[in-house]
Amino acid sequence: MTSESNQARTSALSVQTLDRFSREVAKYPADQKQSAVMACLAIVQEEQGYVSAESEKLVAAYLGMAPIAVHEVTTFYNMYNQQPVGKYKINVCTNLPCQLREGTRALAYLEHKLGVTMGGTTEDGLFTLQQSECLGACADSPVMLVNDLHMCSFMSNDKLDQLIDGLKSAEAK
């Protein structure tokens, strides 16, 4: 792909986004700009709420990568949303060690409490419930990650109620 066609493809990105991409790419040697793919995807998600197929193509064009290579990154990591999600994305670890320590019970409890199945978003758009592979805290199970930032450990039903009710009340303010 020529530099002109790359420029045309990335014109759908805002100047601010392109500036942020440029700062990330500058952290790597010129011949290794693809190393910034995760940072660029995070920027797109931060600005748009998720990484669409079109956004993947724009990132690929900017970095000079095959679109499938960017898609492979997006689909490999749980932190990239491929569709709009609720304000609070809750990833519940259901890997085998957590399953053995009540992880699937916590997921089932949240499905019932929120009225959605795994992968679903509540009608009010507040919560999206997802299962997750290992979060690296097997001894603290059940564990979950809220908005890819906040780890919650030893989540009994009471603690799950406190989490959900606390997030709802924070929204009401």
Protein backbone atom coordinates (compact mmCIF):
# COMPACT_ATOMS: atom_id res chain seq x y z
CA MET A 1 0.00 0.00 0.00
CA THR A 2 1.44 3.39 -0.95
CA SER A 3 1.83 6.23 1.47
CA GLU A 4 -0.90 8.16 -0.43
CA SER A 5 -3.41 5.35 -0.07
CA ASN A 6 -2.49 4.98 3.62
CA GLN A 7 -3.11 8.69 4.08
CA ALA A 8 -6.49 8.48 2.33
CA ARG A 9 -7.55 5.51 4.46
CA THR A 10 -6.59 7.16 7.74
CA SER A 11 -8.26 10.48 6.91
CA ALA A 12 -11.35 9.16 8.72
CA LEU A 13 -9.36 9.45 11.96
CA SER A 14 -9.38 12.79 13.76
CA VAL A 15 -6.27 14.95 13.87
CA GLN A 16 -6.12 14.38 17.63
CA THR A 17 -6.22 10.61 17.14
CA LEU A 18 -3.50 10.75 14.50
CA ASP A 19 -1.37 12.88 16.84
CA ARG A 20 -1.79 10.33 19.62
CA PHE A 21 -0.93 7.50 17.20
CA SER A 22 2.18 9.42 16.14
CA ARG A 23 3.34 9.78 19.74
CA GLU A 24 2.95 6.03 20.28
CA VAL A 25 4.74 5.10 17.05
CA ALA A 26 7.62 7.42 17.98
CA LYS A 27 8.41 5.14 20.92
CA TYR A 28 9.65 2.43 18.54
CA PRO A 29 12.31 2.20 15.83
CA ALA A 30 10.99 3.43 12.46
CA ASP A 31 10.96 -0.07 10.98
CA GLN A 32 8.96 -1.44 13.94
CA LYS A 33 6.00 0.91 14.08
CA GLN A 34 3.61 -2.08 14.16
CA SER A 35 4.73 -2.45 17.77
CA ALA A 36 2.33 0.40 18.57
CA VAL A 37 -0.72 -1.60 17.48
CA MET A 38 -2.02 -2.25 21.01
CA ALA A 39 -1.62 1.39 22.01
CA CYS A 40 -3.38 2.57 18.85
CA LEU A 41 -6.26 0.16 19.43
CA ALA A 42 -6.54 1.41 23.02
CA ILE A 43 -6.70 4.99 21.75
CA VAL A 44 -9.49 4.11 19.30
CA GLN A 45 -11.42 2.33 22.04
CA GLU A 46 -10.97 5.21 24.48
CA GLU A 47 -12.31 7.67 21.93
CA GLN A 48 -15.08 5.55 20.39
CA GLY A 49 -15.98 3.11 23.16
CA TYR A 50 -15.07 0.06 21.09
CA VAL A 51 -12.92 -1.04 18.16
CA SER A 52 -15.02 -1.52 15.04
CA ALA A 53 -13.91 -3.50 12.00
CA GLU A 54 -13.49 -0.19 10.16
CA SER A 55 -11.30 1.17 12.96
CA GLU A 56 -9.13 -1.94 12.73
CA LYS A 57 -8.61 -1.22 9.03
CA LEU A 58 -7.69 2.39 9.76
CA VAL A 59 -5.15 1.32 12.40
CA ALA A 60 -3.74 -1.24 9.96
CA ALA A 61 -3.38 1.39 7.24
CA TYR A 62 -1.70 3.82 9.63
CA LEU A 63 0.79 1.22 10.84
CA GLY A 64 1.35 -0.41 7.45
CA MET A 65 -0.03 -3.75 8.65
CA ALA A 66 -2.36 -6.29 7.12
CA PRO A 67 -5.89 -5.71 8.49
CA ILE A 68 -6.07 -9.36 9.61
CA ALA A 69 -2.98 -8.84 11.79
CA VAL A 70 -4.73 -5.99 13.62
CA HIS A 71 -7.93 -8.04 13.88
CA GLU A 72 -5.95 -10.89 15.45
CA VAL A 73 -4.77 -8.52 18.20
CA THR A 74 -8.26 -7.14 18.77
CA THR A 75 -9.80 -10.60 19.07
CA PHE A 76 -7.00 -12.10 21.19
CA TYR A 77 -7.23 -9.66 24.11
CA ASN A 78 -10.36 -9.23 26.30
CA MET A 79 -9.59 -5.56 26.83
CA TYR A 80 -10.68 -4.62 23.31
CA ASN A 81 -14.42 -4.32 22.84
CA GLN A 82 -15.54 -5.28 19.34
CA GLN A 83 -19.00 -3.83 19.84
CA PRO A 84 -20.48 -1.19 22.11
CA VAL A 85 -20.56 -2.20 25.78
CA GLY A 86 -22.20 -0.85 28.89
CA LYS A 87 -20.64 1.85 31.01
CA TYR A 88 -19.36 -0.86 33.36
CA LYS A 89 -17.86 -3.91 31.70
CA ILE A 90 -17.50 -6.75 34.19
CA ASN A 91 -15.20 -9.61 33.18
CA VAL A 92 -15.64 -12.66 35.39
CA CYS A 93 -12.81 -15.18 35.36
CA THR A 94 -14.14 -18.62 34.45
CA ASN A 95 -10.84 -20.37 33.78
CA LEU A 96 -10.59 -23.81 35.41
CA PRO A 97 -8.94 -22.77 38.70
CA CYS A 98 -11.58 -20.08 39.20
CA GLN A 99 -14.36 -22.47 38.18
CA LEU A 100 -13.21 -24.75 40.98
CA ARG A 101 -13.35 -21.82 43.39
CA GLU A 102 -16.87 -20.52 42.61
CA GLY A 103 -16.14 -18.42 39.51
CA THR A 104 -19.02 -19.91 37.53
CA ARG A 105 -21.32 -19.42 40.54
CA ALA A 106 -20.40 -15.73 40.59
CA LEU A 107 -21.09 -15.44 36.87
CA ALA A 108 -24.48 -17.14 37.27
CA TYR A 109 -25.33 -14.88 40.22
CA LEU A 110 -24.49 -11.76 38.20
CA GLU A 111 -26.48 -13.02 35.21
CA HIS A 112 -29.51 -13.41 37.48
CA LYS A 113 -28.96 -10.10 39.31
CA LEU A 114 -28.46 -8.08 36.12
CA GLY A 115 -31.01 -9.96 34.02
CA VAL A 116 -28.56 -10.66 31.19
CA THR A 117 -26.61 -13.66 30.01
CA MET A 118 -22.87 -13.68 29.61
CA GLY A 119 -21.96 -11.33 26.77
CA GLY A 120 -25.11 -9.27 27.23
CA THR A 121 -25.66 -5.66 28.20
CA THR A 122 -28.41 -4.49 30.54
CA GLU A 123 -31.30 -2.60 28.97
CA ASP A 124 -30.22 0.62 30.66
CA GLY A 125 -26.78 0.29 29.02
CA LEU A 126 -25.08 0.34 32.39
CA PHE A 127 -23.56 -3.16 32.63
CA THR A 128 -22.01 -5.61 30.19
CA LEU A 129 -21.19 -9.03 31.58
CA GLN A 130 -18.39 -11.07 30.04
CA GLN A 131 -16.43 -14.14 30.92
CA SER A 132 -12.70 -13.91 30.96
CA GLU A 133 -9.76 -16.20 30.77
CA CYS A 134 -7.21 -16.13 33.55
CA LEU A 135 -6.89 -12.81 35.36
CA GLY A 136 -3.85 -14.03 37.25
CA ALA A 137 -5.42 -14.14 40.71
CA CYS A 138 -6.56 -17.76 41.01
CA ALA A 139 -6.11 -17.84 44.78
CA ASP A 140 -8.48 -14.87 45.12
CA SER A 141 -11.37 -16.44 43.21
CA PRO A 142 -13.98 -15.58 42.35
CA VAL A 143 -12.26 -12.65 40.65
CA MET A 144 -13.43 -10.12 38.15
CA LEU A 145 -12.16 -7.08 36.36
CA VAL A 146 -14.30 -3.96 36.06
CA ASN A 147 -13.67 -1.77 33.01
CA ASP A 148 -10.33 -3.49 32.43
CA LEU A 149 -8.87 -1.56 35.38
CA HIS A 150 -10.24 -2.59 38.76
CA MET A 151 -9.65 -6.12 40.05
CA CYS A 152 -12.23 -7.44 42.50
CA SER A 153 -11.32 -10.51 44.55
CA PHE A 154 -13.11 -13.01 46.80
CA MET A 155 -16.48 -11.97 45.33
CA SER A 156 -19.17 -13.56 47.48
CA ASN A 157 -22.81 -12.85 46.67
CA ASP A 158 -22.78 -10.07 49.29
CA LYS A 159 -19.72 -8.46 47.70
CA LEU A 160 -21.28 -8.80 44.24
CA ASP A 161 -24.41 -7.04 45.54
CA GLN A 162 -22.25 -4.27 47.02
CA LEU A 163 -20.35 -3.85 43.75
CA ILE A 164 -23.43 -3.64 41.55
CA ASP A 165 -25.44 -1.51 43.98
CA GLY A 166 -22.46 0.81 44.50
CA LEU A 167 -22.01 1.34 40.75
CA LYS A 168 -25.75 1.94 40.33
CA SER A 169 -25.84 4.48 43.16
CA ALA A 170 -22.77 6.26 41.75
CA GLU A 171 -24.69 6.59 38.49
CA ALA A 172 -27.72 8.05 40.23
CA LYS A 173 -25.67 10.94 41.65
